[in-house]
C-alpha atoms as a PDB file:
ATOM      1  CA  GLN A   1      20.217  -8.265  -4.003  1.00  0.00           C
ATOM      2  CA  VAL A   2      17.020  -8.979  -3.062  1.00  0.00           C
ATOM      3  CA  GLN A   3      14.882  -6.421  -0.935  1.00  0.00           C
ATOM      4  CA  LEU A   4      12.142  -7.138   0.773  1.00  0.00           C
ATOM      5  CA  VAL A   5       9.287  -4.624   2.378  1.00  0.00           C
ATOM      6  CA  GLU A   6       6.468  -5.585   4.466  1.00  0.00           C
ATOM      7  CA  SER A   7       3.073  -3.707   5.194  1.00  0.00           C
ATOM      8  CA  GLY A   8      -0.461  -4.469   6.612  1.00  0.00           C
ATOM      9  CA  GLY A   9       0.627  -4.746   9.794  1.00  0.00           C
ATOM     10  CA  GLY A  10      -1.648  -2.560  12.941  1.00  0.00           C
ATOM     11  CA  SER A  11      -3.675  -2.658  15.497  1.00  0.00           C
ATOM     12  CA  VAL A  12      -6.790  -4.837  16.088  1.00  0.00           C
ATOM     13  CA  GLN A  13      -8.669  -6.378  18.633  1.00  0.00           C
ATOM     14  CA  ALA A  14      -8.756 -10.443  19.513  1.00  0.00           C
ATOM     15  CA  GLY A  15     -11.013 -11.776  16.691  1.00  0.00           C
ATOM     16  CA  GLY A  16     -10.296  -9.752  14.319  1.00  0.00           C
ATOM     17  CA  SER A  17      -8.445  -9.946  11.193  1.00  0.00           C
ATOM     18  CA  LEU A  18      -5.512  -8.297   8.700  1.00  0.00           C
ATOM     19  CA  ARG A  19      -4.070  -9.053   6.373  1.00  0.00           C
ATOM     20  CA  LEU A  20      -0.012  -8.808   5.629  1.00  0.00           C
ATOM     21  CA  SER A  21       1.745  -8.093   2.420  1.00  0.00           C
ATOM     22  CA  CYS A  22       5.619  -8.451   1.800  1.00  0.00           C
ATOM     23  CA  ALA A  23       6.446  -6.729  -2.374  1.00  0.00           C
ATOM     24  CA  ALA A  24       9.907  -7.940  -3.117  1.00  0.00           C
ATOM     25  CA  SER A  25      12.282  -6.790  -5.456  1.00  0.00           C
ATOM     26  CA  GLY A  26      15.714  -7.214  -7.349  1.00  0.00           C
ATOM     27  CA  GLY A  27      15.188 -11.039  -7.908  1.00  0.00           C
ATOM     28  CA  THR A  28      13.248 -13.512  -9.862  1.00  0.00           C
ATOM     29  CA  PHE A  29      10.869 -13.982  -7.278  1.00  0.00           C
ATOM     30  CA  SER A  30       9.829 -17.266  -8.177  1.00  0.00           C
ATOM     31  CA  SER A  31      12.755 -18.770  -7.253  1.00  0.00           C
ATOM     32  CA  TYR A  32      12.080 -18.376  -3.950  1.00  0.00           C
ATOM     33  CA  TYR A  33      10.680 -20.150  -1.345  1.00  0.00           C
ATOM     34  CA  MET A  34       9.266 -17.443   0.788  1.00  0.00           C
ATOM     35  CA  ALA A  35       8.307 -17.706   4.604  1.00  0.00           C
ATOM     36  CA  TRP A  36       6.819 -15.693   7.450  1.00  0.00           C
ATOM     37  CA  PHE A  37       8.281 -15.307  11.021  1.00  0.00           C
ATOM     38  CA  ARG A  38       7.681 -13.094  14.249  1.00  0.00           C
ATOM     39  CA  GLN A  39       9.200 -12.061  16.827  1.00  0.00           C
ATOM     40  CA  ALA A  40       7.135 -10.922  20.741  1.00  0.00           C
ATOM     41  CA  PRO A  41       9.429  -8.654  23.383  1.00  0.00           C
ATOM     42  CA  GLY A  42      12.150 -10.940  25.038  1.00  0.00           C
ATOM     43  CA  LYS A  43      10.596 -13.848  22.708  1.00  0.00           C
ATOM     44  CA  GLU A  44      13.035 -16.268  19.950  1.00  0.00           C
ATOM     45  CA  ARG A  45      12.216 -15.204  16.461  1.00  0.00           C
ATOM     46  CA  GLU A  46       9.617 -18.463  15.896  1.00  0.00           C
ATOM     47  CA  PHE A  47       8.839 -19.533  12.169  1.00  0.00           C
ATOM     48  CA  VAL A  48       4.961 -18.902  11.356  1.00  0.00           C
ATOM     49  CA  SER A  49       4.879 -20.331   7.717  1.00  0.00           C
ATOM     50  CA  ASN A  50       6.444 -20.371   4.367  1.00  0.00           C
ATOM     51  CA  ILE A  51       5.614 -21.209   0.455  1.00  0.00           C
ATOM     52  CA  ARG A  52       6.609 -22.538  -1.880  1.00  0.00           C
ATOM     53  CA  GLY A  53       7.645 -20.754  -5.343  1.00  0.00           C
ATOM     54  CA  SER A  54       5.030 -22.395  -6.963  1.00  0.00           C
ATOM     55  CA  GLY A  55       2.550 -21.044  -4.168  1.00  0.00           C
ATOM     56  CA  GLY A  56       1.331 -25.015  -4.038  1.00  0.00           C
ATOM     57  CA  ILE A  57       2.850 -25.841  -1.032  1.00  0.00           C
ATOM     58  CA  THR A  58       2.742 -24.314   2.104  1.00  0.00           C
ATOM     59  CA  SER A  59       3.122 -25.162   5.646  1.00  0.00           C
ATOM     60  CA  TYR A  60       2.261 -23.587   8.982  1.00  0.00           C
ATOM     61  CA  ALA A  61       3.569 -23.445  12.977  1.00  0.00           C
ATOM     62  CA  ASP A  62       1.261 -25.514  15.259  1.00  0.00           C
ATOM     63  CA  SER A  63      -0.212 -22.419  16.386  1.00  0.00           C
ATOM     64  CA  VAL A  64      -1.530 -20.604  13.320  1.00  0.00           C
ATOM     65  CA  LYS A  65      -2.867 -23.562  12.041  1.00  0.00           C
ATOM     66  CA  GLY A  66      -6.547 -23.292  10.701  1.00  0.00           C
ATOM     67  CA  ARG A  67      -6.116 -19.112  11.462  1.00  0.00           C
ATOM     68  CA  PHE A  68      -3.733 -17.975   8.593  1.00  0.00           C
ATOM     69  CA  THR A  69      -3.005 -18.585   5.234  1.00  0.00           C
ATOM     70  CA  ILE A  70       0.217 -17.887   3.029  1.00  0.00           C
ATOM     71  CA  SER A  71      -0.192 -17.076  -0.432  1.00  0.00           C
ATOM     72  CA  ARG A  72       1.779 -15.554  -3.193  1.00  0.00           C
ATOM     73  CA  ASP A  73       1.013 -14.010  -6.645  1.00  0.00           C
ATOM     74  CA  ASN A  74       4.367 -14.392  -8.478  1.00  0.00           C
ATOM     75  CA  ALA A  75       2.730 -11.284 -11.079  1.00  0.00           C
ATOM     76  CA  LYS A  76       2.979  -9.313  -8.543  1.00  0.00           C
ATOM     77  CA  ASN A  77       6.261 -10.105  -6.462  1.00  0.00           C
ATOM     78  CA  THR A  78       4.007 -10.415  -3.105  1.00  0.00           C
ATOM     79  CA  VAL A  79       3.428 -12.853  -0.819  1.00  0.00           C
ATOM     80  CA  TYR A  80       0.618 -12.427   1.711  1.00  0.00           C
ATOM     81  CA  LEU A  81      -0.193 -13.890   5.201  1.00  0.00           C
ATOM     82  CA  GLN A  82      -4.334 -13.633   5.824  1.00  0.00           C
ATOM     83  CA  MET A  83      -4.175 -14.045   9.922  1.00  0.00           C
ATOM     84  CA  ASN A  84      -7.817 -14.644  11.226  1.00  0.00           C
ATOM     85  CA  SER A  85      -9.297 -15.193  14.873  1.00  0.00           C
ATOM     86  CA  LEU A  86      -6.513 -13.419  15.689  1.00  0.00           C
ATOM     87  CA  LYS A  87      -5.601 -13.377  19.084  1.00  0.00           C
ATOM     88  CA  ILE A  88      -3.312 -11.411  22.199  1.00  0.00           C
ATOM     89  CA  GLU A  89      -0.687 -13.975  22.270  1.00  0.00           C
ATOM     90  CA  ASP A  90      -0.209 -13.501  17.993  1.00  0.00           C
ATOM     91  CA  THR A  91       1.322  -9.730  19.189  1.00  0.00           C
ATOM     92  CA  ALA A  92       5.004  -9.153  17.802  1.00  0.00           C
ATOM     93  CA  ALA A  93       6.612  -8.013  14.989  1.00  0.00           C
ATOM     94  CA  TYR A  94       6.451  -9.969  11.613  1.00  0.00           C
ATOM     95  CA  TYR A  95       8.739 -10.296   9.463  1.00  0.00           C
ATOM     96  CA  CYS A  96       9.281 -11.368   5.869  1.00  0.00           C
ATOM     97  CA  ALA A  97      11.935 -14.264   4.236  1.00  0.00           C
ATOM     98  CA  ALA A  98      13.587 -15.440   1.115  1.00  0.00           C
ATOM     99  CA  GLY A  99      15.305 -18.508   0.562  1.00  0.00           C
ATOM    100  CA  GLN A 100      16.522 -20.845  -1.676  1.00  0.00           C
ATOM    101  CA  THR A 101      16.507 -24.746  -1.335  1.00  0.00           C
ATOM    102  CA  GLY A 102      20.194 -25.797   0.300  1.00  0.00           C
ATOM    103  CA  ARG A 103      20.665 -21.988   1.014  1.00  0.00           C
ATOM    104  CA  GLY A 104      18.691 -21.044   3.982  1.00  0.00           C
ATOM    105  CA  TYR A 105      16.244 -17.618   4.287  1.00  0.00           C
ATOM    106  CA  MET A 106      19.105 -15.000   2.266  1.00  0.00           C
ATOM    107  CA  TYR A 107      16.717 -12.316   2.802  1.00  0.00           C
ATOM    108  CA  TRP A 108      14.941 -10.328   5.332  1.00  0.00           C
ATOM    109  CA  GLY A 109      11.887  -7.522   5.248  1.00  0.00           C
ATOM    110  CA  GLN A 110      12.692  -4.758   8.231  1.00  0.00           C
ATOM    111  CA  GLY A 111       9.545  -5.698   9.784  1.00  0.00           C
ATOM    112  CA  THR A 112       5.807  -4.640  10.364  1.00  0.00           C
ATOM    113  CA  GLN A 113       4.010  -4.795  13.688  1.00  0.00           C
ATOM    114  CA  VAL A 114       1.138  -6.359  14.863  1.00  0.00           C
ATOM    115  CA  THR A 115      -0.613  -5.807  18.077  1.00  0.00           C
ATOM    116  CA  VAL A 116      -3.451  -8.100  19.297  1.00  0.00           C
ATOM    117  CA  SER A 117      -5.434  -6.389  21.878  1.00  0.00           C
ATOM    118  CA  SER A 118      -8.915  -7.188  23.887  1.00  0.00           C
END
């Protein structure tokens, strides 16, 4: 019953920044750990980052550590992905997902496209 809607994607030059947002509805937002995944053409979907319900524990794929930051505002039912120092290889469709311990990622957003150019 949870619905997730991503926004904030677009086109940016290499070295630039974007902030993605994922707005959730239909559930108790703080009870879910949230994540961002991405998928580029011809590649498998890959994990980017996730954050626990309290917002205190985060993890990142090695490819984005030091450049991306995940955060959440439980009062606004929203999770964010701040992307800095963007590289051409970051070009992908980015998806928001919600999960619970022992159940995996149960809900997914529709995706938002990020295109990084030189």
